Each structure stands twice: as C-alpha cells, then as structure tokens.
Amino acid sequence: MLSLAQFPDTERVVTGGWAEHRLDDVPGDPAEQEVLRQGGYLGMVAAGGARREERWLLEIFADDQCPPMTGFGPTLRALVALALTEAG
C-alpha cells in the first residue's frame, strides 16, 4: 500500500498547491517517476486543496497521445479551489 509520506510533492499539493511531473525530469522525484513508469505515462499534473479536515487531490496523467501538460498546474489548482468553496 502506498503512503502519502512517500510522495513529498503530493503531500504538499493536497494542502493547497499544484505540481507537474514528467518521466524525463532531471532531477525528478523518484517516487513520482516510478508511478509514471509503472502506468506507462510520460507526465502528470496534480492540484489539491483542503477544506475543514478533508484533503483533496486531482491528478491528470498524460501518455504519448496527449499534448504537453506544462503550465496547467495553476489553472487546475484554481479549479480545485473553486470546487472546494462553500458556494461550489
């Protein structure tokens, strides 16, 4: 079973941040790159947020059929924040 502690970037993201990872990132996060490798993905973008005691994470994975995902992090983070508002 995977633990969030194994993924420091993801642990940061779920409290209200975003991250982008590519399989060929140098230097890259070895744990994140292993998830990409095992899934056959080239990259991913993640965003998260917290509301009360809940922590949320949205990850989008990309393979060789997807356009580059660079730059999507801030927009995805804004959408997650909006979804977690009381009005959402």
Protein backbone atom coordinates (compact mmCIF):
# COMPACT_ATOMS: atom_id res chain seq x y z
CA MET A 1 0.00 0.00 0.00
CA LEU A 2 1.29 3.46 -0.90
CA SER A 3 1.71 6.11 1.76
CA LEU A 4 1.39 9.83 1.12
CA ALA A 5 4.66 10.27 3.02
CA GLN A 6 6.41 8.52 0.09
CA PHE A 7 5.40 11.40 -2.18
CA PRO A 8 6.52 14.74 -0.64
CA ASP A 9 5.29 16.82 -3.60
CA THR A 10 1.86 15.20 -3.43
CA GLU A 11 1.73 15.69 0.33
CA ARG A 12 2.35 19.42 -0.26
CA VAL A 13 -0.21 19.57 -3.07
CA VAL A 14 -3.11 18.17 -1.02
CA THR A 15 -2.89 21.11 1.35
CA GLY A 16 -3.41 23.60 -1.47
CA GLY A 17 -0.83 23.51 -4.21
CA TRP A 18 0.00 22.08 -7.58
CA ALA A 19 2.81 20.09 -9.20
CA GLU A 20 3.83 18.87 -12.61
CA HIS A 21 6.00 15.79 -13.16
CA ARG A 22 7.50 14.29 -16.28
CA LEU A 23 9.10 10.91 -16.66
CA ASP A 24 12.24 12.59 -18.05
CA ASP A 25 12.53 15.35 -15.40
CA VAL A 26 16.11 15.83 -14.26
CA PRO A 27 16.29 15.93 -11.34
CA GLY A 28 12.95 14.31 -10.78
CA ASP A 29 11.06 12.90 -7.85
CA PRO A 30 11.91 9.17 -7.96
CA ALA A 31 8.62 8.10 -6.35
CA GLU A 32 6.51 10.15 -8.76
CA GLN A 33 8.56 8.97 -11.74
CA GLU A 34 8.07 5.34 -10.70
CA VAL A 35 4.27 5.84 -10.68
CA LEU A 36 4.52 7.28 -14.20
CA ARG A 37 6.76 4.45 -15.36
CA GLN A 38 4.51 1.73 -13.93
CA GLY A 39 1.43 3.28 -15.52
CA GLY A 40 3.04 3.83 -18.91
CA TYR A 41 2.66 7.62 -18.61
CA LEU A 42 5.00 10.40 -19.71
CA GLY A 43 3.78 13.07 -17.33
CA MET A 44 1.16 14.29 -14.93
CA VAL A 45 -0.22 17.42 -13.38
CA ALA A 46 -1.75 17.48 -9.91
CA ALA A 47 -3.62 20.02 -7.83
CA GLY A 48 -5.18 19.80 -4.43
CA GLY A 49 -6.76 21.63 -1.60
CA ALA A 50 -8.10 21.31 1.89
CA ARG A 51 -11.48 22.06 3.39
CA ARG A 52 -12.08 21.51 7.07
CA GLU A 53 -10.45 18.15 7.86
CA GLU A 54 -10.66 16.94 4.24
CA ARG A 55 -7.75 16.95 1.80
CA TRP A 56 -8.41 16.60 -1.91
CA LEU A 57 -6.17 15.62 -4.82
CA LEU A 58 -6.84 15.70 -8.56
CA GLU A 59 -4.23 14.10 -10.83
CA ILE A 60 -4.29 14.07 -14.62
CA PHE A 61 -1.88 11.68 -16.35
CA ALA A 62 -0.55 12.04 -19.90
CA ASP A 63 0.70 9.45 -22.34
CA ASP A 64 2.24 9.85 -25.80
CA GLN A 65 -1.19 10.72 -27.28
CA CYS A 66 -1.64 13.83 -25.09
CA PRO A 67 -0.41 17.34 -25.73
CA PRO A 68 2.25 18.68 -23.35
CA MET A 69 0.75 19.44 -19.93
CA THR A 70 3.26 22.11 -18.96
CA GLY A 71 1.57 25.15 -17.48
CA PHE A 72 -1.73 23.51 -16.49
CA GLY A 73 -0.88 23.40 -12.76
CA PRO A 74 -2.01 26.89 -11.72
CA THR A 75 -5.27 26.63 -13.66
CA LEU A 76 -6.04 23.20 -12.27
CA ARG A 77 -5.28 24.48 -8.75
CA ALA A 78 -7.72 27.38 -9.25
CA LEU A 79 -10.44 24.96 -10.38
CA VAL A 80 -9.88 22.72 -7.34
CA ALA A 81 -10.05 25.77 -5.04
CA LEU A 82 -13.31 26.84 -6.64
CA ALA A 83 -14.76 23.34 -6.26
CA LEU A 84 -13.89 23.35 -2.57
CA THR A 85 -15.54 26.66 -1.75
CA GLU A 86 -18.76 26.63 0.21
CA ALA A 87 -20.52 28.05 -2.85
CA GLY A 88 -19.30 25.11 -5.01
